[in-house]
Amino acid sequence: MPFDTSLYEEEDLKYCKVRPVNFGTQHRHLMSNMISVVSKGYVAIDPRFQELIQQLRIAKMDDNLALIKKVHSLDLVDSFRLNLCGGVCMNSNKKRKI
């Protein structure tokens, strides 16, 4: 079913953007970015998100920083990596693209 734009004002649609991310070519950047941001304490995960915390604890990587998905689904880890993609980190008047 196509997206019905008649339900929204034109002004609202300018904020509706989708950016495709290729996990095949971007997985190293996504993973190293996530590890960096979390280890530096830029992101805190609320204890209510136990499922995400559990997936982050059991996630294993190979030498190419690719997630090894053997038994468990790591969809929340993938979503977390995508959420951090393309953001801007501000730390004491310094902006850094993450």
N, C-alpha and C. Protein backbone atom coordinates (compact mmCIF):
# COMPACT_ATOMS: atom_id res chain seq x y z
N MET A 1 0.85 -1.18 0.00
CA MET A 1 0.00 0.00 0.00
C MET A 1 0.89 1.24 0.00
N PRO A 2 0.72 2.14 -0.95
CA PRO A 2 1.56 3.33 -1.00
C PRO A 2 1.22 4.30 0.13
N PHE A 3 2.18 5.16 0.42
CA PHE A 3 2.03 6.16 1.46
C PHE A 3 1.03 7.20 1.01
N ASP A 4 -0.04 7.42 1.77
CA ASP A 4 -1.11 8.35 1.41
C ASP A 4 -0.74 9.76 1.88
N THR A 5 -0.24 10.58 0.96
CA THR A 5 0.19 11.93 1.32
C THR A 5 -0.97 12.88 1.53
N SER A 6 -2.17 12.51 1.11
CA SER A 6 -3.32 13.41 1.27
C SER A 6 -3.71 13.59 2.73
N LEU A 7 -3.24 12.73 3.60
CA LEU A 7 -3.56 12.83 5.02
C LEU A 7 -2.72 13.87 5.75
N TYR A 8 -1.70 14.41 5.09
CA TYR A 8 -0.75 15.30 5.74
C TYR A 8 -0.64 16.62 4.99
N GLU A 9 -0.28 17.64 5.72
CA GLU A 9 0.00 18.93 5.10
C GLU A 9 1.37 18.86 4.42
N GLU A 10 1.54 19.66 3.36
CA GLU A 10 2.81 19.69 2.64
C GLU A 10 3.97 20.05 3.57
N GLU A 11 3.73 20.95 4.51
CA GLU A 11 4.76 21.39 5.46
C GLU A 11 5.25 20.21 6.31
N ASP A 12 4.35 19.31 6.69
CA ASP A 12 4.73 18.16 7.52
C ASP A 12 5.56 17.15 6.73
N LEU A 13 5.30 17.03 5.44
CA LEU A 13 5.99 16.02 4.64
C LEU A 13 7.45 16.34 4.40
N LYS A 14 7.84 17.59 4.54
CA LYS A 14 9.24 17.92 4.30
C LYS A 14 10.16 17.31 5.36
N TYR A 15 9.58 16.92 6.51
CA TYR A 15 10.37 16.30 7.57
C TYR A 15 10.37 14.77 7.47
N CYS A 16 9.61 14.22 6.55
CA CYS A 16 9.51 12.77 6.39
C CYS A 16 10.55 12.31 5.38
N LYS A 17 11.72 11.90 5.88
CA LYS A 17 12.81 11.50 5.00
C LYS A 17 13.29 10.11 5.37
N VAL A 18 13.64 9.36 4.38
CA VAL A 18 14.18 8.02 4.58
C VAL A 18 15.55 7.99 3.90
N ARG A 19 16.53 7.52 4.65
CA ARG A 19 17.88 7.41 4.13
C ARG A 19 18.29 5.95 4.12
N PRO A 20 18.46 5.34 2.96
CA PRO A 20 18.85 3.93 2.95
C PRO A 20 20.29 3.76 3.43
N VAL A 21 20.51 2.72 4.20
CA VAL A 21 21.85 2.39 4.69
C VAL A 21 22.14 0.95 4.31
N ASN A 22 23.24 0.73 3.61
CA ASN A 22 23.63 -0.59 3.16
C ASN A 22 24.50 -1.25 4.24
N PHE A 23 23.95 -2.26 4.91
CA PHE A 23 24.71 -2.95 5.96
C PHE A 23 25.91 -3.68 5.38
N GLY A 24 25.82 -4.09 4.13
CA GLY A 24 26.92 -4.81 3.50
C GLY A 24 28.19 -3.99 3.39
N THR A 25 28.02 -2.70 3.12
CA THR A 25 29.20 -1.84 2.96
C THR A 25 29.46 -0.94 4.16
N GLN A 26 28.47 -0.72 4.99
CA GLN A 26 28.59 0.24 6.10
C GLN A 26 28.72 -0.42 7.48
N HIS A 27 28.71 -1.75 7.54
CA HIS A 27 28.66 -2.43 8.84
C HIS A 27 29.84 -2.06 9.74
N ARG A 28 31.03 -1.91 9.19
CA ARG A 28 32.20 -1.57 10.02
C ARG A 28 32.05 -0.19 10.64
N HIS A 29 31.62 0.77 9.83
CA HIS A 29 31.43 2.13 10.32
C HIS A 29 30.32 2.17 11.37
N LEU A 30 29.20 1.50 11.10
CA LEU A 30 28.08 1.48 12.05
C LEU A 30 28.50 0.88 13.38
N MET A 31 29.22 -0.23 13.33
CA MET A 31 29.62 -0.91 14.56
C MET A 31 30.66 -0.11 15.33
N SER A 32 31.69 0.38 14.65
CA SER A 32 32.73 1.13 15.36
C SER A 32 32.17 2.43 15.93
N ASN A 33 31.24 3.04 15.22
CA ASN A 33 30.59 4.25 15.71
C ASN A 33 29.79 3.95 16.98
N MET A 34 29.02 2.86 16.96
CA MET A 34 28.22 2.50 18.12
C MET A 34 29.11 2.20 19.33
N ILE A 35 30.17 1.45 19.11
CA ILE A 35 31.09 1.12 20.21
C ILE A 35 31.72 2.38 20.77
N SER A 36 32.12 3.28 19.90
CA SER A 36 32.77 4.52 20.33
C SER A 36 31.82 5.40 21.15
N VAL A 37 30.63 5.60 20.64
CA VAL A 37 29.66 6.48 21.30
C VAL A 37 29.26 5.93 22.67
N VAL A 38 29.03 4.63 22.75
CA VAL A 38 28.62 4.01 24.01
C VAL A 38 29.77 3.99 25.00
N SER A 39 30.97 3.62 24.56
CA SER A 39 32.10 3.51 25.48
C SER A 39 32.55 4.87 26.02
N LYS A 40 32.32 5.94 25.26
CA LYS A 40 32.67 7.27 25.74
C LYS A 40 31.59 7.87 26.64
N GLY A 41 30.49 7.17 26.80
CA GLY A 41 29.44 7.63 27.69
C GLY A 41 28.52 8.68 27.10
N TYR A 42 28.53 8.84 25.77
CA TYR A 42 27.65 9.81 25.13
C TYR A 42 26.20 9.35 25.13
N VAL A 43 25.99 8.05 25.27
CA VAL A 43 24.66 7.47 25.25
C VAL A 43 24.45 6.67 26.53
N ALA A 44 23.32 6.90 27.16
CA ALA A 44 22.94 6.10 28.32
C ALA A 44 21.64 5.37 27.96
N ILE A 45 21.58 4.11 28.28
CA ILE A 45 20.40 3.30 27.96
C ILE A 45 19.60 3.10 29.22
N ASP A 46 18.35 3.53 29.18
CA ASP A 46 17.46 3.40 30.33
C ASP A 46 17.28 1.93 30.67
N PRO A 47 17.29 1.59 31.96
CA PRO A 47 17.14 0.19 32.38
C PRO A 47 15.83 -0.47 31.92
N ARG A 48 14.85 0.33 31.52
CA ARG A 48 13.60 -0.26 31.02
C ARG A 48 13.81 -1.03 29.72
N PHE A 49 14.90 -0.74 29.01
CA PHE A 49 15.17 -1.39 27.73
C PHE A 49 16.08 -2.60 27.93
N GLN A 50 15.63 -3.52 28.77
CA GLN A 50 16.42 -4.71 29.11
C GLN A 50 16.72 -5.57 27.90
N GLU A 51 15.79 -5.64 26.96
CA GLU A 51 16.01 -6.48 25.79
C GLU A 51 17.18 -5.95 24.94
N LEU A 52 17.25 -4.63 24.77
CA LEU A 52 18.38 -4.04 24.05
C LEU A 52 19.68 -4.26 24.81
N ILE A 53 19.66 -4.04 26.10
CA ILE A 53 20.86 -4.23 26.93
C ILE A 53 21.34 -5.67 26.84
N GLN A 54 20.40 -6.61 26.89
CA GLN A 54 20.76 -8.02 26.80
C GLN A 54 21.37 -8.34 25.43
N GLN A 55 20.79 -7.81 24.36
CA GLN A 55 21.33 -8.06 23.02
C GLN A 55 22.72 -7.45 22.87
N LEU A 56 22.95 -6.28 23.46
CA LEU A 56 24.28 -5.66 23.39
C LEU A 56 25.31 -6.51 24.13
N ARG A 57 24.89 -7.14 25.22
CA ARG A 57 25.82 -7.97 26.00
C ARG A 57 26.18 -9.27 25.29
N ILE A 58 25.24 -9.84 24.52
CA ILE A 58 25.52 -11.13 23.88
C ILE A 58 26.06 -10.97 22.47
N ALA A 59 26.07 -9.74 21.95
CA ALA A 59 26.55 -9.51 20.58
C ALA A 59 28.03 -9.85 20.48
N LYS A 60 28.38 -10.58 19.47
CA LYS A 60 29.77 -10.94 19.18
C LYS A 60 30.10 -10.47 17.78
N MET A 61 31.37 -10.09 17.57
CA MET A 61 31.80 -9.60 16.27
C MET A 61 32.94 -10.45 15.74
N ASP A 62 33.04 -10.49 14.42
CA ASP A 62 34.20 -11.14 13.82
C ASP A 62 35.31 -10.10 13.61
N ASP A 63 36.36 -10.46 12.93
CA ASP A 63 37.50 -9.55 12.73
C ASP A 63 37.16 -8.32 11.89
N ASN A 64 36.10 -8.40 11.10
CA ASN A 64 35.68 -7.27 10.26
C ASN A 64 34.62 -6.41 10.93
N LEU A 65 34.44 -6.56 12.23
CA LEU A 65 33.42 -5.85 13.01
C LEU A 65 32.01 -6.15 12.52
N ALA A 66 31.79 -7.30 11.94
CA ALA A 66 30.45 -7.72 11.54
C ALA A 66 29.84 -8.53 12.69
N LEU A 67 28.56 -8.31 12.93
CA LEU A 67 27.88 -9.06 13.98
C LEU A 67 27.76 -10.52 13.59
N ILE A 68 28.01 -11.39 14.53
CA ILE A 68 27.83 -12.82 14.32
C ILE A 68 26.47 -13.18 14.93
N LYS A 69 25.54 -13.56 14.08
CA LYS A 69 24.18 -13.89 14.53
C LYS A 69 23.98 -15.39 14.42
N LYS A 70 24.22 -16.09 15.49
CA LYS A 70 24.09 -17.54 15.44
C LYS A 70 22.71 -17.99 15.90
N VAL A 71 22.36 -17.72 17.12
CA VAL A 71 21.11 -18.22 17.67
C VAL A 71 20.10 -17.09 17.87
N HIS A 72 20.56 -15.99 18.41
CA HIS A 72 19.66 -14.92 18.80
C HIS A 72 19.51 -13.87 17.70
N SER A 73 18.35 -13.27 17.66
CA SER A 73 18.12 -12.14 16.78
C SER A 73 18.73 -10.89 17.44
N LEU A 74 19.42 -10.10 16.67
CA LEU A 74 20.02 -8.87 17.20
C LEU A 74 19.41 -7.66 16.50
N ASP A 75 18.11 -7.71 16.26
CA ASP A 75 17.43 -6.63 15.56
C ASP A 75 17.52 -5.31 16.32
N LEU A 76 17.45 -5.36 17.63
CA LEU A 76 17.53 -4.12 18.41
C LEU A 76 18.92 -3.50 18.32
N VAL A 77 19.95 -4.34 18.26
CA VAL A 77 21.32 -3.82 18.08
C VAL A 77 21.44 -3.15 16.72
N ASP A 78 20.88 -3.78 15.68
CA ASP A 78 20.90 -3.18 14.35
C ASP A 78 20.15 -1.85 14.34
N SER A 79 19.01 -1.80 14.99
CA SER A 79 18.23 -0.56 15.06
C SER A 79 18.99 0.51 15.82
N PHE A 80 19.67 0.12 16.88
CA PHE A 80 20.47 1.06 17.67
C PHE A 80 21.61 1.63 16.83
N ARG A 81 22.27 0.77 16.06
CA ARG A 81 23.36 1.24 15.18
C ARG A 81 22.83 2.23 14.15
N LEU A 82 21.67 1.93 13.57
CA LEU A 82 21.08 2.84 12.58
C LEU A 82 20.66 4.16 13.21
N ASN A 83 20.16 4.09 14.43
CA ASN A 83 19.74 5.30 15.13
C ASN A 83 20.90 6.26 15.34
N LEU A 84 22.09 5.73 15.55
CA LEU A 84 23.27 6.57 15.78
C LEU A 84 23.91 7.05 14.48
N CYS A 85 23.48 6.51 13.37
CA CYS A 85 24.08 6.82 12.07
C CYS A 85 23.71 8.23 11.62
N GLY A 86 24.73 9.03 11.32
CA GLY A 86 24.49 10.35 10.75
C GLY A 86 24.14 11.43 11.74
N GLY A 87 24.22 11.14 13.02
CA GLY A 87 23.91 12.15 14.02
C GLY A 87 25.07 13.11 14.23
N VAL A 88 24.86 14.08 15.08
CA VAL A 88 25.90 15.03 15.42
C VAL A 88 26.07 15.00 16.93
N CYS A 89 27.30 14.85 17.35
CA CYS A 89 27.62 14.80 18.77
C CYS A 89 28.20 16.15 19.18
N MET A 90 27.64 16.73 20.21
CA MET A 90 28.14 18.02 20.69
C MET A 90 28.79 17.82 22.06
N ASN A 91 30.03 18.21 22.18
CA ASN A 91 30.75 18.07 23.43
C ASN A 91 31.55 19.34 23.67
N SER A 92 31.16 20.13 24.64
CA SER A 92 31.81 21.38 25.01
C SER A 92 32.17 22.24 23.80
N ASN A 93 31.13 22.67 23.10
CA ASN A 93 31.23 23.58 21.96
C ASN A 93 31.91 22.98 20.73
N LYS A 94 32.13 21.69 20.70
CA LYS A 94 32.71 21.03 19.52
C LYS A 94 31.63 20.14 18.93
N LYS A 95 31.41 20.29 17.63
CA LYS A 95 30.48 19.41 16.94
C LYS A 95 31.26 18.36 16.19
N ARG A 96 30.79 17.13 16.24
CA ARG A 96 31.45 16.03 15.55
C ARG A 96 30.38 15.15 14.95
N LYS A 97 30.45 14.90 13.64
CA LYS A 97 29.50 14.04 12.98
C LYS A 97 29.79 12.59 13.36
N ILE A 98 28.74 11.85 13.73
CA ILE A 98 28.94 10.46 14.11
C ILE A 98 28.25 9.53 13.14
